[in-house]
Amino acid sequence: MKNRTHPLAPVPYGPVPSRRQLLWHRRKFYGFLHFTTTTFTDLEWGYGDESPNLFAPTAFDADQIVRTAVEAGMSGLILTCKHHDGFCLWPSRYTEHSVKN
C-alpha cells in the first residue's frame, strides 16, 4: 500500500445505476415542453378548472419548436403529456379534462 499512487475506488453502496441510467446522465441539455390549456391563457400556473375548449393549437408549428431547441444546443425534447393541472394530451376515458373535448 505504501507504493500506491492512486486511491482505491469506493465500494458501491446501495442501488447502483444501470448502464442505461448512466447513459441518460450523459445527455447534457434537454428541453421540457409543457403544452396545456394555460398555453393559451398567458398564465404560468393552471389549477385544472380551465375549460378544455381553451386548448386550440391552430397555429402549432412543431418544426419551429425543434429548430429553436437545436439552435439553443439541445439534443432532445421531452413533452409533458399531463402536468399538475390534470389536462391530458391524449383522449383519456378517465377525465373530461383532455384533448377529446
N, C-alpha and C. Protein backbone atom coordinates (compact mmCIF):
# COMPACT_ATOMS: atom_id res chain seq x y z
N MET A 1 0.80 -1.20 0.00
CA MET A 1 0.00 0.00 0.00
C MET A 1 0.85 1.27 0.00
N LYS A 2 2.07 1.19 0.50
CA LYS A 2 2.91 2.38 0.56
C LYS A 2 3.23 2.91 -0.83
N ASN A 3 3.38 2.03 -1.81
CA ASN A 3 3.76 2.45 -3.15
C ASN A 3 2.56 2.82 -4.03
N ARG A 4 1.36 2.71 -3.53
CA ARG A 4 0.17 3.01 -4.32
C ARG A 4 0.08 4.52 -4.56
N THR A 5 -0.07 4.89 -5.85
CA THR A 5 -0.16 6.32 -6.19
C THR A 5 -1.59 6.78 -6.39
N HIS A 6 -2.52 5.84 -6.59
CA HIS A 6 -3.92 6.20 -6.79
C HIS A 6 -4.76 5.61 -5.66
N PRO A 7 -5.71 6.38 -5.17
CA PRO A 7 -6.57 5.82 -4.11
C PRO A 7 -7.47 4.72 -4.68
N LEU A 8 -7.89 3.83 -3.83
CA LEU A 8 -8.81 2.78 -4.25
C LEU A 8 -10.19 3.38 -4.54
N ALA A 9 -10.86 2.82 -5.53
CA ALA A 9 -12.22 3.27 -5.83
C ALA A 9 -13.14 2.88 -4.68
N PRO A 10 -14.12 3.71 -4.37
CA PRO A 10 -15.03 3.36 -3.28
C PRO A 10 -15.86 2.12 -3.64
N VAL A 11 -16.21 1.37 -2.65
CA VAL A 11 -17.05 0.20 -2.84
C VAL A 11 -18.49 0.69 -3.04
N PRO A 12 -19.21 0.18 -4.06
CA PRO A 12 -20.60 0.61 -4.28
C PRO A 12 -21.44 0.39 -3.03
N TYR A 13 -22.30 1.35 -2.75
CA TYR A 13 -23.19 1.26 -1.60
C TYR A 13 -24.60 1.57 -2.07
N GLY A 14 -25.55 0.75 -1.73
CA GLY A 14 -26.93 0.98 -2.11
C GLY A 14 -27.15 0.65 -3.58
N PRO A 15 -28.23 1.16 -4.15
CA PRO A 15 -28.53 0.87 -5.56
C PRO A 15 -27.45 1.44 -6.48
N VAL A 16 -27.05 0.67 -7.44
CA VAL A 16 -26.04 1.09 -8.42
C VAL A 16 -26.76 1.36 -9.73
N PRO A 17 -26.52 2.52 -10.37
CA PRO A 17 -27.22 2.82 -11.62
C PRO A 17 -26.87 1.82 -12.72
N SER A 18 -27.87 1.55 -13.55
CA SER A 18 -27.65 0.66 -14.69
C SER A 18 -26.89 1.41 -15.78
N ARG A 19 -26.44 0.69 -16.77
CA ARG A 19 -25.74 1.31 -17.90
C ARG A 19 -26.66 2.33 -18.58
N ARG A 20 -27.94 1.97 -18.76
CA ARG A 20 -28.90 2.89 -19.38
C ARG A 20 -29.05 4.18 -18.58
N GLN A 21 -29.11 4.07 -17.27
CA GLN A 21 -29.24 5.25 -16.42
C GLN A 21 -27.99 6.13 -16.52
N LEU A 22 -26.83 5.52 -16.57
CA LEU A 22 -25.60 6.30 -16.70
C LEU A 22 -25.56 7.02 -18.05
N LEU A 23 -26.00 6.35 -19.12
CA LEU A 23 -26.06 6.99 -20.44
C LEU A 23 -27.03 8.17 -20.43
N TRP A 24 -28.14 8.03 -19.71
CA TRP A 24 -29.11 9.12 -19.61
C TRP A 24 -28.46 10.37 -19.01
N HIS A 25 -27.63 10.20 -18.03
CA HIS A 25 -26.99 11.35 -17.37
C HIS A 25 -25.94 12.03 -18.25
N ARG A 26 -25.52 11.37 -19.31
CA ARG A 26 -24.57 12.00 -20.23
C ARG A 26 -25.25 12.97 -21.18
N ARG A 27 -26.55 12.89 -21.26
CA ARG A 27 -27.29 13.83 -22.12
C ARG A 27 -27.23 15.19 -21.45
N LYS A 28 -26.63 16.12 -22.13
CA LYS A 28 -26.28 17.39 -21.49
C LYS A 28 -27.43 18.38 -21.38
N PHE A 29 -28.22 18.54 -22.45
CA PHE A 29 -29.15 19.66 -22.47
C PHE A 29 -30.42 19.26 -23.20
N TYR A 30 -31.45 19.00 -22.45
CA TYR A 30 -32.76 18.64 -22.99
C TYR A 30 -33.75 19.74 -22.65
N GLY A 31 -34.81 19.82 -23.41
CA GLY A 31 -35.86 20.79 -23.14
C GLY A 31 -37.13 20.07 -22.71
N PHE A 32 -37.86 20.67 -21.79
CA PHE A 32 -39.17 20.16 -21.38
C PHE A 32 -40.24 21.04 -21.98
N LEU A 33 -41.20 20.43 -22.65
CA LEU A 33 -42.31 21.18 -23.24
C LEU A 33 -43.55 20.95 -22.40
N HIS A 34 -44.12 22.03 -21.90
CA HIS A 34 -45.38 21.97 -21.17
C HIS A 34 -46.41 22.65 -22.07
N PHE A 35 -47.25 21.85 -22.70
CA PHE A 35 -48.21 22.32 -23.69
C PHE A 35 -49.58 21.93 -23.19
N THR A 36 -50.33 22.90 -22.66
CA THR A 36 -51.59 22.61 -21.99
C THR A 36 -52.55 23.78 -22.17
N THR A 37 -53.65 23.76 -21.45
CA THR A 37 -54.65 24.83 -21.60
C THR A 37 -54.07 26.19 -21.25
N THR A 38 -53.19 26.26 -20.26
CA THR A 38 -52.65 27.57 -19.88
C THR A 38 -51.69 28.14 -20.92
N THR A 39 -51.30 27.33 -21.90
CA THR A 39 -50.52 27.84 -23.03
C THR A 39 -51.30 28.94 -23.74
N PHE A 40 -52.62 28.85 -23.68
CA PHE A 40 -53.48 29.77 -24.41
C PHE A 40 -54.12 30.83 -23.52
N THR A 41 -53.68 30.94 -22.27
CA THR A 41 -54.24 31.94 -21.36
C THR A 41 -53.21 32.95 -20.86
N ASP A 42 -51.95 32.77 -21.23
CA ASP A 42 -50.86 33.61 -20.73
C ASP A 42 -50.69 33.50 -19.22
N LEU A 43 -51.12 32.39 -18.65
CA LEU A 43 -50.92 32.13 -17.23
C LEU A 43 -49.81 31.10 -17.07
N GLU A 44 -49.02 31.27 -16.03
CA GLU A 44 -47.94 30.31 -15.80
C GLU A 44 -48.45 29.06 -15.10
N TRP A 45 -49.50 29.18 -14.33
CA TRP A 45 -49.95 28.10 -13.48
C TRP A 45 -51.41 27.79 -13.76
N GLY A 46 -51.73 26.52 -13.93
CA GLY A 46 -53.12 26.10 -14.10
C GLY A 46 -53.59 25.32 -12.89
N TYR A 47 -54.89 25.34 -12.66
CA TYR A 47 -55.45 24.66 -11.49
C TYR A 47 -56.36 23.49 -11.86
N GLY A 48 -56.52 23.23 -13.16
CA GLY A 48 -57.37 22.13 -13.57
C GLY A 48 -58.82 22.50 -13.76
N ASP A 49 -59.15 23.77 -13.52
CA ASP A 49 -60.53 24.20 -13.72
C ASP A 49 -60.70 24.97 -15.03
N GLU A 50 -59.66 25.01 -15.84
CA GLU A 50 -59.73 25.68 -17.13
C GLU A 50 -60.57 24.84 -18.09
N SER A 51 -61.29 25.50 -18.94
CA SER A 51 -62.09 24.79 -19.93
C SER A 51 -61.19 24.07 -20.93
N PRO A 52 -61.47 22.81 -21.23
CA PRO A 52 -60.69 22.10 -22.26
C PRO A 52 -60.80 22.78 -23.62
N ASN A 53 -61.83 23.58 -23.81
CA ASN A 53 -62.01 24.29 -25.08
C ASN A 53 -60.92 25.33 -25.32
N LEU A 54 -60.21 25.73 -24.27
CA LEU A 54 -59.11 26.68 -24.42
C LEU A 54 -57.97 26.09 -25.24
N PHE A 55 -57.83 24.78 -25.18
CA PHE A 55 -56.74 24.12 -25.88
C PHE A 55 -57.07 24.09 -27.37
N ALA A 56 -56.51 25.05 -28.10
CA ALA A 56 -56.82 25.19 -29.53
C ALA A 56 -55.55 25.52 -30.30
N PRO A 57 -54.69 24.53 -30.53
CA PRO A 57 -53.42 24.78 -31.21
C PRO A 57 -53.57 24.94 -32.73
N THR A 58 -54.22 26.01 -33.15
CA THR A 58 -54.47 26.22 -34.58
C THR A 58 -53.22 26.63 -35.34
N ALA A 59 -52.27 27.25 -34.67
CA ALA A 59 -51.04 27.70 -35.35
C ALA A 59 -49.82 26.92 -34.84
N PHE A 60 -50.02 25.69 -34.43
CA PHE A 60 -48.93 24.87 -33.88
C PHE A 60 -47.88 24.60 -34.95
N ASP A 61 -46.62 24.82 -34.61
CA ASP A 61 -45.53 24.62 -35.56
C ASP A 61 -44.42 23.81 -34.88
N ALA A 62 -44.51 22.49 -34.98
CA ALA A 62 -43.52 21.61 -34.34
C ALA A 62 -42.12 21.87 -34.88
N ASP A 63 -42.02 22.16 -36.18
CA ASP A 63 -40.70 22.42 -36.77
C ASP A 63 -40.04 23.64 -36.13
N GLN A 64 -40.82 24.67 -35.83
CA GLN A 64 -40.27 25.87 -35.20
C GLN A 64 -39.76 25.55 -33.80
N ILE A 65 -40.49 24.73 -33.07
CA ILE A 65 -40.06 24.34 -31.73
C ILE A 65 -38.75 23.56 -31.80
N VAL A 66 -38.66 22.62 -32.73
CA VAL A 66 -37.45 21.82 -32.87
C VAL A 66 -36.28 22.68 -33.34
N ARG A 67 -36.52 23.57 -34.29
CA ARG A 67 -35.44 24.48 -34.75
C ARG A 67 -34.89 25.30 -33.59
N THR A 68 -35.78 25.85 -32.79
CA THR A 68 -35.36 26.66 -31.65
C THR A 68 -34.55 25.84 -30.66
N ALA A 69 -34.98 24.61 -30.40
CA ALA A 69 -34.25 23.73 -29.49
C ALA A 69 -32.86 23.42 -30.03
N VAL A 70 -32.77 23.12 -31.31
CA VAL A 70 -31.47 22.82 -31.93
C VAL A 70 -30.57 24.04 -31.88
N GLU A 71 -31.12 25.22 -32.20
CA GLU A 71 -30.32 26.45 -32.15
C GLU A 71 -29.83 26.75 -30.74
N ALA A 72 -30.58 26.32 -29.74
CA ALA A 72 -30.17 26.53 -28.35
C ALA A 72 -29.16 25.49 -27.89
N GLY A 73 -28.90 24.48 -28.72
CA GLY A 73 -27.93 23.46 -28.38
C GLY A 73 -28.52 22.24 -27.69
N MET A 74 -29.84 22.14 -27.68
CA MET A 74 -30.48 20.99 -27.04
C MET A 74 -30.31 19.75 -27.92
N SER A 75 -30.19 18.61 -27.27
CA SER A 75 -30.07 17.36 -28.01
C SER A 75 -31.36 16.56 -28.00
N GLY A 76 -32.39 17.08 -27.35
CA GLY A 76 -33.67 16.39 -27.34
C GLY A 76 -34.72 17.19 -26.62
N LEU A 77 -35.97 16.75 -26.76
CA LEU A 77 -37.11 17.40 -26.11
C LEU A 77 -37.95 16.34 -25.41
N ILE A 78 -38.53 16.72 -24.29
CA ILE A 78 -39.43 15.84 -23.56
C ILE A 78 -40.76 16.56 -23.43
N LEU A 79 -41.81 15.95 -23.94
CA LEU A 79 -43.15 16.54 -23.88
C LEU A 79 -43.84 16.07 -22.61
N THR A 80 -44.29 17.03 -21.81
CA THR A 80 -45.07 16.71 -20.62
C THR A 80 -46.51 16.52 -21.06
N CYS A 81 -46.99 15.29 -21.05
CA CYS A 81 -48.32 14.97 -21.58
C CYS A 81 -49.43 15.17 -20.57
N LYS A 82 -49.08 15.24 -19.29
CA LYS A 82 -50.05 15.56 -18.24
C LYS A 82 -49.28 16.17 -17.09
N HIS A 83 -49.63 17.40 -16.75
CA HIS A 83 -48.92 18.10 -15.69
C HIS A 83 -49.85 18.22 -14.49
N HIS A 84 -49.50 19.06 -13.54
CA HIS A 84 -50.27 19.17 -12.30
C HIS A 84 -51.70 19.65 -12.51
N ASP A 85 -51.97 20.36 -13.61
CA ASP A 85 -53.34 20.84 -13.84
C ASP A 85 -54.27 19.72 -14.30
N GLY A 86 -53.71 18.57 -14.65
CA GLY A 86 -54.52 17.41 -14.99
C GLY A 86 -54.95 17.30 -16.43
N PHE A 87 -54.65 18.30 -17.26
CA PHE A 87 -55.07 18.25 -18.66
C PHE A 87 -54.25 17.19 -19.40
N CYS A 88 -54.93 16.28 -20.09
CA CYS A 88 -54.28 15.18 -20.79
C CYS A 88 -54.13 15.50 -22.27
N LEU A 89 -52.95 15.30 -22.80
CA LEU A 89 -52.72 15.49 -24.24
C LEU A 89 -53.06 14.23 -25.03
N TRP A 90 -53.95 13.44 -24.52
CA TRP A 90 -54.49 12.27 -25.23
C TRP A 90 -55.96 12.18 -24.84
N PRO A 91 -56.76 11.53 -25.64
CA PRO A 91 -58.19 11.42 -25.34
C PRO A 91 -58.46 10.40 -24.23
N SER A 92 -58.29 10.82 -22.99
CA SER A 92 -58.45 9.92 -21.85
C SER A 92 -59.91 9.56 -21.62
N ARG A 93 -60.15 8.32 -21.28
CA ARG A 93 -61.51 7.91 -20.94
C ARG A 93 -61.79 8.11 -19.46
N TYR A 94 -60.78 8.58 -18.70
CA TYR A 94 -60.93 8.74 -17.26
C TYR A 94 -61.22 10.16 -16.82
N THR A 95 -61.12 11.11 -17.74
CA THR A 95 -61.38 12.51 -17.39
C THR A 95 -61.91 13.26 -18.60
N GLU A 96 -62.67 14.29 -18.33
CA GLU A 96 -63.14 15.16 -19.40
C GLU A 96 -62.13 16.27 -19.67
N HIS A 97 -61.13 16.37 -18.81
CA HIS A 97 -60.11 17.42 -18.93
C HIS A 97 -58.99 16.93 -19.85
N SER A 98 -59.30 16.81 -21.14
CA SER A 98 -58.34 16.26 -22.09
C SER A 98 -58.61 16.80 -23.49
N VAL A 99 -57.76 16.42 -24.43
CA VAL A 99 -57.90 16.89 -25.81
C VAL A 99 -59.16 16.39 -26.49
N LYS A 100 -59.78 15.37 -25.96
CA LYS A 100 -61.00 14.85 -26.61
C LYS A 100 -62.15 15.85 -26.53
N ASN A 101 -62.06 16.81 -25.65
CA ASN A 101 -63.13 17.81 -25.51
C ASN A 101 -62.71 19.12 -26.13
